[in-house]
mmCIF file of all heavy atoms, coordinates in Angstrom:
data_MODEL
# 
_entry.id   MODEL 
# 
loop_
_atom_site.group_PDB 
_atom_site.id 
_atom_site.type_symbol 
_atom_site.label_atom_id 
_atom_site.label_alt_id 
_atom_site.label_comp_id 
_atom_site.label_asym_id 
_atom_site.label_entity_id 
_atom_site.label_seq_id 
_atom_site.pdbx_PDB_ins_code 
_atom_site.Cartn_x 
_atom_site.Cartn_y 
_atom_site.Cartn_z 
_atom_site.occupancy 
_atom_site.B_iso_or_equiv 
_atom_site.pdbx_formal_charge 
_atom_site.auth_seq_id 
_atom_site.auth_comp_id 
_atom_site.auth_asym_id 
_atom_site.auth_atom_id 
_atom_site.pdbx_PDB_model_num 
ATOM 1   N N   . LYS A 1 1  ? 12.409  1.419   -1.753  1.00 0.00 ? 1  LYS A N   1 
ATOM 2   C CA  . LYS A 1 1  ? 13.101  0.749   -0.662  1.00 0.00 ? 1  LYS A CA  1 
ATOM 3   C C   . LYS A 1 1  ? 12.809  1.362   0.707   1.00 0.00 ? 1  LYS A C   1 
ATOM 4   O O   . LYS A 1 1  ? 13.056  0.741   1.746   1.00 0.00 ? 1  LYS A O   1 
ATOM 5   C CB  . LYS A 1 1  ? 14.604  0.758   -0.930  1.00 0.00 ? 1  LYS A CB  1 
ATOM 6   C CG  . LYS A 1 1  ? 15.184  2.163   -1.015  1.00 0.00 ? 1  LYS A CG  1 
ATOM 7   C CD  . LYS A 1 1  ? 16.668  2.096   -1.314  1.00 0.00 ? 1  LYS A CD  1 
ATOM 8   C CE  . LYS A 1 1  ? 17.262  3.510   -1.412  1.00 0.00 ? 1  LYS A CE  1 
ATOM 9   N NZ  . LYS A 1 1  ? 18.719  3.462   -1.699  1.00 0.00 ? 1  LYS A NZ  1 
ATOM 10  N N   . ASP A 1 2  ? 12.285  2.597   0.693   1.00 0.00 ? 2  ASP A N   1 
ATOM 11  C CA  . ASP A 1 2  ? 11.940  3.261   1.950   1.00 0.00 ? 2  ASP A CA  1 
ATOM 12  C C   . ASP A 1 2  ? 10.503  2.958   2.380   1.00 0.00 ? 2  ASP A C   1 
ATOM 13  O O   . ASP A 1 2  ? 10.031  3.495   3.389   1.00 0.00 ? 2  ASP A O   1 
ATOM 14  C CB  . ASP A 1 2  ? 12.128  4.773   1.815   1.00 0.00 ? 2  ASP A CB  1 
ATOM 15  C CG  . ASP A 1 2  ? 13.567  5.155   1.562   1.00 0.00 ? 2  ASP A CG  1 
ATOM 16  O OD1 . ASP A 1 2  ? 14.454  4.459   2.120   1.00 0.00 ? 2  ASP A OD1 1 
ATOM 17  O OD2 . ASP A 1 2  ? 13.813  6.112   0.802   1.00 0.00 ? 2  ASP A OD2 1 
ATOM 18  N N   . GLY A 1 3  ? 9.804   2.155   1.622   1.00 0.00 ? 3  GLY A N   1 
ATOM 19  C CA  . GLY A 1 3  ? 8.436   1.807   1.978   1.00 0.00 ? 3  GLY A CA  1 
ATOM 20  C C   . GLY A 1 3  ? 7.406   2.775   1.466   1.00 0.00 ? 3  GLY A C   1 
ATOM 21  O O   . GLY A 1 3  ? 6.230   2.715   1.875   1.00 0.00 ? 3  GLY A O   1 
ATOM 22  N N   . ASN A 1 4  ? 7.776   3.681   0.573   1.00 0.00 ? 4  ASN A N   1 
ATOM 23  C CA  . ASN A 1 4  ? 6.803   4.610   -0.019  1.00 0.00 ? 4  ASN A CA  1 
ATOM 24  C C   . ASN A 1 4  ? 6.061   3.928   -1.163  1.00 0.00 ? 4  ASN A C   1 
ATOM 25  O O   . ASN A 1 4  ? 6.675   3.241   -1.987  1.00 0.00 ? 4  ASN A O   1 
ATOM 26  C CB  . ASN A 1 4  ? 7.529   5.865   -0.530  1.00 0.00 ? 4  ASN A CB  1 
ATOM 27  C CG  . ASN A 1 4  ? 8.211   6.615   0.595   1.00 0.00 ? 4  ASN A CG  1 
ATOM 28  O OD1 . ASN A 1 4  ? 7.651   6.826   1.646   1.00 0.00 ? 4  ASN A OD1 1 
ATOM 29  N ND2 . ASN A 1 4  ? 9.467   7.020   0.350   1.00 0.00 ? 4  ASN A ND2 1 
ATOM 30  N N   . PHE A 1 5  ? 4.736   4.123   -1.220  1.00 0.00 ? 5  PHE A N   1 
ATOM 31  C CA  . PHE A 1 5  ? 3.909   3.545   -2.269  1.00 0.00 ? 5  PHE A CA  1 
ATOM 32  C C   . PHE A 1 5  ? 3.955   4.466   -3.475  1.00 0.00 ? 5  PHE A C   1 
ATOM 33  O O   . PHE A 1 5  ? 3.421   5.575   -3.473  1.00 0.00 ? 5  PHE A O   1 
ATOM 34  C CB  . PHE A 1 5  ? 2.475   3.349   -1.785  1.00 0.00 ? 5  PHE A CB  1 
ATOM 35  C CG  . PHE A 1 5  ? 2.304   2.132   -0.898  1.00 0.00 ? 5  PHE A CG  1 
ATOM 36  C CD1 . PHE A 1 5  ? 2.798   2.124   0.384   1.00 0.00 ? 5  PHE A CD1 1 
ATOM 37  C CD2 . PHE A 1 5  ? 1.677   1.004   -1.380  1.00 0.00 ? 5  PHE A CD2 1 
ATOM 38  C CE1 . PHE A 1 5  ? 2.661   1.027   1.190   1.00 0.00 ? 5  PHE A CE1 1 
ATOM 39  C CE2 . PHE A 1 5  ? 1.534   -0.113  -0.596  1.00 0.00 ? 5  PHE A CE2 1 
ATOM 40  C CZ  . PHE A 1 5  ? 2.030   -0.110  0.714   1.00 0.00 ? 5  PHE A CZ  1 
ATOM 41  N N   . LEU A 1 6  ? 4.624   3.989   -4.536  1.00 0.00 ? 6  LEU A N   1 
ATOM 42  C CA  . LEU A 1 6  ? 4.753   4.785   -5.750  1.00 0.00 ? 6  LEU A CA  1 
ATOM 43  C C   . LEU A 1 6  ? 3.533   4.625   -6.644  1.00 0.00 ? 6  LEU A C   1 
ATOM 44  O O   . LEU A 1 6  ? 3.137   5.594   -7.319  1.00 0.00 ? 6  LEU A O   1 
ATOM 45  C CB  . LEU A 1 6  ? 6.022   4.366   -6.503  1.00 0.00 ? 6  LEU A CB  1 
ATOM 46  C CG  . LEU A 1 6  ? 7.336   4.463   -5.720  1.00 0.00 ? 6  LEU A CG  1 
ATOM 47  C CD1 . LEU A 1 6  ? 8.493   3.966   -6.563  1.00 0.00 ? 6  LEU A CD1 1 
ATOM 48  C CD2 . LEU A 1 6  ? 7.572   5.897   -5.259  1.00 0.00 ? 6  LEU A CD2 1 
ATOM 49  N N   . LEU A 1 7  ? 2.963   3.437   -6.692  1.00 0.00 ? 7  LEU A N   1 
ATOM 50  C CA  . LEU A 1 7  ? 1.832   3.185   -7.600  1.00 0.00 ? 7  LEU A CA  1 
ATOM 51  C C   . LEU A 1 7  ? 0.987   2.047   -7.033  1.00 0.00 ? 7  LEU A C   1 
ATOM 52  O O   . LEU A 1 7  ? 1.531   1.081   -6.465  1.00 0.00 ? 7  LEU A O   1 
ATOM 53  C CB  . LEU A 1 7  ? 2.341   2.803   -8.991  1.00 0.00 ? 7  LEU A CB  1 
ATOM 54  C CG  . LEU A 1 7  ? 1.274   2.583   -10.081 1.00 0.00 ? 7  LEU A CG  1 
ATOM 55  C CD1 . LEU A 1 7  ? 0.645   3.903   -10.443 1.00 0.00 ? 7  LEU A CD1 1 
ATOM 56  C CD2 . LEU A 1 7  ? 1.905   1.920   -11.309 1.00 0.00 ? 7  LEU A CD2 1 
ATOM 57  N N   . GLN A 1 8  ? -0.307  2.157   -7.161  1.00 0.00 ? 8  GLN A N   1 
ATOM 58  C CA  . GLN A 1 8  ? -1.197  1.056   -6.771  1.00 0.00 ? 8  GLN A CA  1 
ATOM 59  C C   . GLN A 1 8  ? -2.331  0.971   -7.776  1.00 0.00 ? 8  GLN A C   1 
ATOM 60  O O   . GLN A 1 8  ? -2.849  1.984   -8.251  1.00 0.00 ? 8  GLN A O   1 
ATOM 61  C CB  . GLN A 1 8  ? -1.736  1.263   -5.359  1.00 0.00 ? 8  GLN A CB  1 
ATOM 62  C CG  . GLN A 1 8  ? -2.419  2.589   -5.099  1.00 0.00 ? 8  GLN A CG  1 
ATOM 63  C CD  . GLN A 1 8  ? -2.882  2.687   -3.664  1.00 0.00 ? 8  GLN A CD  1 
ATOM 64  O OE1 . GLN A 1 8  ? -3.293  1.700   -3.072  1.00 0.00 ? 8  GLN A OE1 1 
ATOM 65  N NE2 . GLN A 1 8  ? -2.826  3.881   -3.090  1.00 0.00 ? 8  GLN A NE2 1 
ATOM 66  N N   . GLY A 1 9  ? -2.659  -0.260  -8.122  1.00 0.00 ? 9  GLY A N   1 
ATOM 67  C CA  . GLY A 1 9  ? -3.705  -0.484  -9.109  1.00 0.00 ? 9  GLY A CA  1 
ATOM 68  C C   . GLY A 1 9  ? -4.282  -1.870  -8.961  1.00 0.00 ? 9  GLY A C   1 
ATOM 69  O O   . GLY A 1 9  ? -4.124  -2.536  -7.936  1.00 0.00 ? 9  GLY A O   1 
ATOM 70  N N   . GLY A 1 10 ? -5.002  -2.310  -10.003 1.00 0.00 ? 10 GLY A N   1 
ATOM 71  C CA  . GLY A 1 10 ? -5.670  -3.600  -9.954  1.00 0.00 ? 10 GLY A CA  1 
ATOM 72  C C   . GLY A 1 10 ? -7.169  -3.467  -10.150 1.00 0.00 ? 10 GLY A C   1 
ATOM 73  O O   . GLY A 1 10 ? -7.692  -2.361  -10.372 1.00 0.00 ? 10 GLY A O   1 
ATOM 74  N N   . ALA A 1 11 ? -7.852  -4.603  -10.058 1.00 0.00 ? 11 ALA A N   1 
ATOM 75  C CA  . ALA A 1 11 ? -9.312  -4.600  -10.257 1.00 0.00 ? 11 ALA A CA  1 
ATOM 76  C C   . ALA A 1 11 ? -10.030 -3.842  -9.143  1.00 0.00 ? 11 ALA A C   1 
ATOM 77  O O   . ALA A 1 11 ? -11.078 -3.235  -9.369  1.00 0.00 ? 11 ALA A O   1 
ATOM 78  C CB  . ALA A 1 11 ? -9.827  -6.039  -10.337 1.00 0.00 ? 11 ALA A CB  1 
ATOM 79  N N   . GLN A 1 12 ? -9.475  -3.885  -7.926  1.00 0.00 ? 12 GLN A N   1 
ATOM 80  C CA  . GLN A 1 12 ? -10.067 -3.158  -6.800  1.00 0.00 ? 12 GLN A CA  1 
ATOM 81  C C   . GLN A 1 12 ? -9.366  -1.806  -6.673  1.00 0.00 ? 12 GLN A C   1 
ATOM 82  O O   . GLN A 1 12 ? -8.178  -1.751  -6.391  1.00 0.00 ? 12 GLN A O   1 
ATOM 83  C CB  . GLN A 1 12 ? -9.926  -3.966  -5.507  1.00 0.00 ? 12 GLN A CB  1 
ATOM 84  C CG  . GLN A 1 12 ? -10.621 -5.325  -5.563  1.00 0.00 ? 12 GLN A CG  1 
ATOM 85  C CD  . GLN A 1 12 ? -10.418 -6.122  -4.286  1.00 0.00 ? 12 GLN A CD  1 
ATOM 86  O OE1 . GLN A 1 12 ? -9.778  -5.683  -3.364  1.00 0.00 ? 12 GLN A OE1 1 
ATOM 87  N NE2 . GLN A 1 12 ? -11.004 -7.322  -4.254  1.00 0.00 ? 12 GLN A NE2 1 
ATOM 88  N N   . THR A 1 13 ? -10.142 -0.764  -6.879  1.00 0.00 ? 13 THR A N   1 
ATOM 89  C CA  . THR A 1 13 ? -9.561  0.581   -6.948  1.00 0.00 ? 13 THR A CA  1 
ATOM 90  C C   . THR A 1 13 ? -9.543  1.314   -5.626  1.00 0.00 ? 13 THR A C   1 
ATOM 91  O O   . THR A 1 13 ? -8.994  2.422   -5.553  1.00 0.00 ? 13 THR A O   1 
ATOM 92  C CB  . THR A 1 13 ? -10.323 1.403   -7.988  1.00 0.00 ? 13 THR A CB  1 
ATOM 93  O OG1 . THR A 1 13 ? -11.720 1.470   -7.599  1.00 0.00 ? 13 THR A OG1 1 
ATOM 94  C CG2 . THR A 1 13 ? -10.238 0.771   -9.365  1.00 0.00 ? 13 THR A CG2 1 
ATOM 95  N N   . ALA A 1 14 ? -10.166 0.773   -4.594  1.00 0.00 ? 14 ALA A N   1 
ATOM 96  C CA  . ALA A 1 14 ? -10.213 1.474   -3.310  1.00 0.00 ? 14 ALA A CA  1 
ATOM 97  C C   . ALA A 1 14 ? -8.804  1.647   -2.751  1.00 0.00 ? 14 ALA A C   1 
ATOM 98  O O   . ALA A 1 14 ? -7.962  0.754   -2.837  1.00 0.00 ? 14 ALA A O   1 
ATOM 99  C CB  . ALA A 1 14 ? -11.091 0.705   -2.324  1.00 0.00 ? 14 ALA A CB  1 
ATOM 100 N N   . GLN A 1 15 ? -8.553  2.824   -2.149  1.00 0.00 ? 15 GLN A N   1 
ATOM 101 C CA  . GLN A 1 15 ? -7.238  3.133   -1.616  1.00 0.00 ? 15 GLN A CA  1 
ATOM 102 C C   . GLN A 1 15 ? -7.001  2.368   -0.310  1.00 0.00 ? 15 GLN A C   1 
ATOM 103 O O   . GLN A 1 15 ? -7.946  2.108   0.456   1.00 0.00 ? 15 GLN A O   1 
ATOM 104 C CB  . GLN A 1 15 ? -7.124  4.635   -1.355  1.00 0.00 ? 15 GLN A CB  1 
ATOM 105 C CG  . GLN A 1 15 ? -7.186  5.483   -2.608  1.00 0.00 ? 15 GLN A CG  1 
ATOM 106 C CD  . GLN A 1 15 ? -6.006  5.252   -3.532  1.00 0.00 ? 15 GLN A CD  1 
ATOM 107 O OE1 . GLN A 1 15 ? -4.874  5.121   -3.077  1.00 0.00 ? 15 GLN A OE1 1 
ATOM 108 N NE2 . GLN A 1 15 ? -6.268  5.201   -4.848  1.00 0.00 ? 15 GLN A NE2 1 
ATOM 109 N N   . LEU A 1 16 ? -5.746  2.021   -0.069  1.00 0.00 ? 16 LEU A N   1 
ATOM 110 C CA  . LEU A 1 16 ? -5.382  1.355   1.168   1.00 0.00 ? 16 LEU A CA  1 
ATOM 111 C C   . LEU A 1 16 ? -5.292  2.366   2.301   1.00 0.00 ? 16 LEU A C   1 
ATOM 112 O O   . LEU A 1 16 ? -4.908  3.538   2.094   1.00 0.00 ? 16 LEU A O   1 
ATOM 113 C CB  . LEU A 1 16 ? -4.036  0.648   1.038   1.00 0.00 ? 16 LEU A CB  1 
ATOM 114 C CG  . LEU A 1 16 ? -3.989  -0.650  0.229   1.00 0.00 ? 16 LEU A CG  1 
ATOM 115 C CD1 . LEU A 1 16 ? -2.564  -1.213  0.255   1.00 0.00 ? 16 LEU A CD1 1 
ATOM 116 C CD2 . LEU A 1 16 ? -4.968  -1.678  0.762   1.00 0.00 ? 16 LEU A CD2 1 
ATOM 117 N N   . SER A 1 17 ? -5.634  1.921   3.491   1.00 0.00 ? 17 SER A N   1 
ATOM 118 C CA  . SER A 1 17 ? -5.470  2.772   4.671   1.00 0.00 ? 17 SER A CA  1 
ATOM 119 C C   . SER A 1 17 ? -4.011  2.785   5.080   1.00 0.00 ? 17 SER A C   1 
ATOM 120 O O   . SER A 1 17 ? -3.188  1.980   4.615   1.00 0.00 ? 17 SER A O   1 
ATOM 121 C CB  . SER A 1 17 ? -6.348  2.247   5.808   1.00 0.00 ? 17 SER A CB  1 
ATOM 122 O OG  . SER A 1 17 ? -5.917  0.951   6.194   1.00 0.00 ? 17 SER A OG  1 
ATOM 123 N N   . LEU A 1 18 ? -3.674  3.724   5.980   1.00 0.00 ? 18 LEU A N   1 
ATOM 124 C CA  . LEU A 1 18 ? -2.304  3.819   6.470   1.00 0.00 ? 18 LEU A CA  1 
ATOM 125 C C   . LEU A 1 18 ? -1.888  2.550   7.195   1.00 0.00 ? 18 LEU A C   1 
ATOM 126 O O   . LEU A 1 18 ? -0.749  2.084   7.093   1.00 0.00 ? 18 LEU A O   1 
ATOM 127 C CB  . LEU A 1 18 ? -2.160  5.035   7.374   1.00 0.00 ? 18 LEU A CB  1 
ATOM 128 C CG  . LEU A 1 18 ? -2.305  6.393   6.686   1.00 0.00 ? 18 LEU A CG  1 
ATOM 129 C CD1 . LEU A 1 18 ? -2.210  7.512   7.722   1.00 0.00 ? 18 LEU A CD1 1 
ATOM 130 C CD2 . LEU A 1 18 ? -1.237  6.581   5.619   1.00 0.00 ? 18 LEU A CD2 1 
ATOM 131 N N   . GLU A 1 19 ? -2.851  1.946   7.939   1.00 0.00 ? 19 GLU A N   1 
ATOM 132 C CA  . GLU A 1 19 ? -2.544  0.700   8.662   1.00 0.00 ? 19 GLU A CA  1 
ATOM 133 C C   . GLU A 1 19 ? -2.218  -0.424  7.694   1.00 0.00 ? 19 GLU A C   1 
ATOM 134 O O   . GLU A 1 19 ? -1.294  -1.222  7.938   1.00 0.00 ? 19 GLU A O   1 
ATOM 135 C CB  . GLU A 1 19 ? -3.722  0.316   9.566   1.00 0.00 ? 19 GLU A CB  1 
ATOM 136 C CG  . GLU A 1 19 ? -3.971  1.264   10.733  1.00 0.00 ? 19 GLU A CG  1 
ATOM 137 C CD  . GLU A 1 19 ? -4.711  2.518   10.311  1.00 0.00 ? 19 GLU A CD  1 
ATOM 138 O OE1 . GLU A 1 19 ? -5.094  2.608   9.107   1.00 0.00 ? 19 GLU A OE1 1 
ATOM 139 O OE2 . GLU A 1 19 ? -4.871  3.414   11.158  1.00 0.00 ? 19 GLU A OE2 1 
ATOM 140 N N   . ASP A 1 20 ? -2.987  -0.504  6.585   1.00 0.00 ? 20 ASP A N   1 
ATOM 141 C CA  . ASP A 1 20 ? -2.714  -1.553  5.593   1.00 0.00 ? 20 ASP A CA  1 
ATOM 142 C C   . ASP A 1 20 ? -1.349  -1.353  4.942   1.00 0.00 ? 20 ASP A C   1 
ATOM 143 O O   . ASP A 1 20 ? -0.611  -2.323  4.712   1.00 0.00 ? 20 ASP A O   1 
ATOM 144 C CB  . ASP A 1 20 ? -3.816  -1.556  4.529   1.00 0.00 ? 20 ASP A CB  1 
ATOM 145 C CG  . ASP A 1 20 ? -5.156  -2.013  5.097   1.00 0.00 ? 20 ASP A CG  1 
ATOM 146 O OD1 . ASP A 1 20 ? -5.148  -2.663  6.154   1.00 0.00 ? 20 ASP A OD1 1 
ATOM 147 O OD2 . ASP A 1 20 ? -6.195  -1.709  4.488   1.00 0.00 ? 20 ASP A OD2 1 
ATOM 148 N N   . LYS A 1 21 ? -1.029  -0.099  4.651   1.00 0.00 ? 21 LYS A N   1 
ATOM 149 C CA  . LYS A 1 21 ? 0.282   0.175   4.032   1.00 0.00 ? 21 LYS A CA  1 
ATOM 150 C C   . LYS A 1 21 ? 1.410   -0.198  4.992   1.00 0.00 ? 21 LYS A C   1 
ATOM 151 O O   . LYS A 1 21 ? 2.422   -0.804  4.586   1.00 0.00 ? 21 LYS A O   1 
ATOM 152 C CB  . LYS A 1 21 ? 0.376   1.643   3.642   1.00 0.00 ? 21 LYS A CB  1 
ATOM 153 C CG  . LYS A 1 21 ? -0.532  2.030   2.473   1.00 0.00 ? 21 LYS A CG  1 
ATOM 154 C CD  . LYS A 1 21 ? -0.356  3.484   2.100   1.00 0.00 ? 21 LYS A CD  1 
ATOM 155 C CE  . LYS A 1 21 ? -1.245  3.849   0.899   1.00 0.00 ? 21 LYS A CE  1 
ATOM 156 N NZ  . LYS A 1 21 ? -1.097  5.270   0.529   1.00 0.00 ? 21 LYS A NZ  1 
ATOM 157 N N   . ASP A 1 22 ? 1.234   0.172   6.246   1.00 0.00 ? 22 ASP A N   1 
ATOM 158 C CA  . ASP A 1 22 ? 2.272   -0.181  7.240   1.00 0.00 ? 22 ASP A CA  1 
ATOM 159 C C   . ASP A 1 22 ? 2.404   -1.694  7.377   1.00 0.00 ? 22 ASP A C   1 
ATOM 160 O O   . ASP A 1 22 ? 3.530   -2.212  7.554   1.00 0.00 ? 22 ASP A O   1 
ATOM 161 C CB  . ASP A 1 22 ? 1.934   0.434   8.596   1.00 0.00 ? 22 ASP A CB  1 
ATOM 162 C CG  . ASP A 1 22 ? 2.015   1.953   8.578   1.00 0.00 ? 22 ASP A CG  1 
ATOM 163 O OD1 . ASP A 1 22 ? 2.681   2.487   7.679   1.00 0.00 ? 22 ASP A OD1 1 
ATOM 164 O OD2 . ASP A 1 22 ? 1.397   2.601   9.453   1.00 0.00 ? 22 ASP A OD2 1 
ATOM 165 N N   . LEU A 1 23 ? 1.294   -2.414  7.279   1.00 0.00 ? 23 LEU A N   1 
ATOM 166 C CA  . LEU A 1 23 ? 1.337   -3.848  7.395   1.00 0.00 ? 23 LEU A CA  1 
ATOM 167 C C   . LEU A 1 23 ? 2.112   -4.475  6.229   1.00 0.00 ? 23 LEU A C   1 
ATOM 168 O O   . LEU A 1 23 ? 2.950   -5.383  6.425   1.00 0.00 ? 23 LEU A O   1 
ATOM 169 C CB  . LEU A 1 23 ? -0.088  -4.419  7.447   1.00 0.00 ? 23 LEU A CB  1 
ATOM 170 C CG  . LEU A 1 23 ? -0.236  -5.934  7.637   1.00 0.00 ? 23 LEU A CG  1 
ATOM 171 C CD1 . LEU A 1 23 ? 0.414   -6.364  8.943   1.00 0.00 ? 23 LEU A CD1 1 
ATOM 172 C CD2 . LEU A 1 23 ? -1.717  -6.330  7.613   1.00 0.00 ? 23 LEU A CD2 1 
ATOM 173 N N   . LEU A 1 24 ? 1.873   -3.996  5.024   1.00 0.00 ? 24 LEU A N   1 
ATOM 174 C CA  . LEU A 1 24 ? 2.598   -4.513  3.861   1.00 0.00 ? 24 LEU A CA  1 
ATOM 175 C C   . LEU A 1 24 ? 4.087   -4.181  3.956   1.00 0.00 ? 24 LEU A C   1 
ATOM 176 O O   . LEU A 1 24 ? 4.944   -5.016  3.622   1.00 0.00 ? 24 LEU A O   1 
ATOM 177 C CB  . LEU A 1 24 ? 2.017   -3.933  2.582   1.00 0.00 ? 24 LEU A CB  1 
ATOM 178 C CG  . LEU A 1 24 ? 0.644   -4.478  2.145   1.00 0.00 ? 24 LEU A CG  1 
ATOM 179 C CD1 . LEU A 1 24 ? 0.146   -3.738  0.908   1.00 0.00 ? 24 LEU A CD1 1 
ATOM 180 C CD2 . LEU A 1 24 ? 0.714   -5.966  1.871   1.00 0.00 ? 24 LEU A CD2 1 
ATOM 181 N N   . VAL A 1 25 ? 4.402   -2.971  4.405   1.00 0.00 ? 25 VAL A N   1 
ATOM 182 C CA  . VAL A 1 25 ? 5.803   -2.586  4.550   1.00 0.00 ? 25 VAL A CA  1 
ATOM 183 C C   . VAL A 1 25 ? 6.501   -3.456  5.598   1.00 0.00 ? 25 VAL A C   1 
ATOM 184 O O   . VAL A 1 25 ? 7.654   -3.887  5.410   1.00 0.00 ? 25 VAL A O   1 
ATOM 185 C CB  . VAL A 1 25 ? 5.908   -1.093  4.915   1.00 0.00 ? 25 VAL A CB  1 
ATOM 186 C CG1 . VAL A 1 25 ? 7.374   -0.723  5.261   1.00 0.00 ? 25 VAL A CG1 1 
ATOM 187 C CG2 . VAL A 1 25 ? 5.420   -0.227  3.759   1.00 0.00 ? 25 VAL A CG2 1 
ATOM 188 N N   . SER A 1 26 ? 5.772   -3.764  6.705   1.00 0.00 ? 26 SER A N   1 
ATOM 189 C CA  . SER A 1 26 ? 6.370   -4.618  7.726   1.00 0.00 ? 26 SER A CA  1 
ATOM 190 C C   . SER A 1 26 ? 6.623   -6.019  7.194   1.00 0.00 ? 26 SER A C   1 
ATOM 191 O O   . SER A 1 26 ? 7.624   -6.655  7.536   1.00 0.00 ? 26 SER A O   1 
ATOM 192 C CB  . SER A 1 26 ? 5.461   -4.671  8.952   1.00 0.00 ? 26 SER A CB  1 
ATOM 193 O OG  . SER A 1 26 ? 4.227   -5.316  8.640   1.00 0.00 ? 26 SER A OG  1 
ATOM 194 N N   . ARG A 1 27 ? 5.717   -6.548  6.366   1.00 0.00 ? 27 ARG A N   1 
ATOM 195 C CA  . ARG A 1 27 ? 5.941   -7.865  5.769   1.00 0.00 ? 27 ARG A CA  1 
ATOM 196 C C   . ARG A 1 27 ? 7.172   -7.846  4.861   1.00 0.00 ? 27 ARG A C   1 
ATOM 197 O O   . ARG A 1 27 ? 7.938   -8.809  4.813   1.00 0.00 ? 27 ARG A O   1 
ATOM 198 C CB  . ARG A 1 27 ? 4.703   -8.289  4.949   1.00 0.00 ? 27 ARG A CB  1 
ATOM 199 C CG  . ARG A 1 27 ? 3.458   -8.559  5.787   1.00 0.00 ? 27 ARG A CG  1 
ATOM 200 C CD  . ARG A 1 27 ? 3.644   -9.796  6.654   1.00 0.00 ? 27 ARG A CD  1 
ATOM 201 N NE  . ARG A 1 27 ? 2.425   -10.171 7.320   1.00 0.00 ? 27 ARG A NE  1 
ATOM 202 C CZ  . ARG A 1 27 ? 1.997   -9.703  8.489   1.00 0.00 ? 27 ARG A CZ  1 
ATOM 203 N NH1 . ARG A 1 27 ? 2.749   -8.809  9.130   1.00 0.00 ? 27 ARG A NH1 1 
ATOM 204 N NH2 . ARG A 1 27 ? 0.865   -10.093 9.006   1.00 0.00 ? 27 ARG A NH2 1 
# 
């Protein structure tokens, strides 16, 4: 609920940038 990424996975394994994470949290 604080916007921390606990786990990320899927077919694309590349890590998200900080900007991408902030964008998802803002959405």
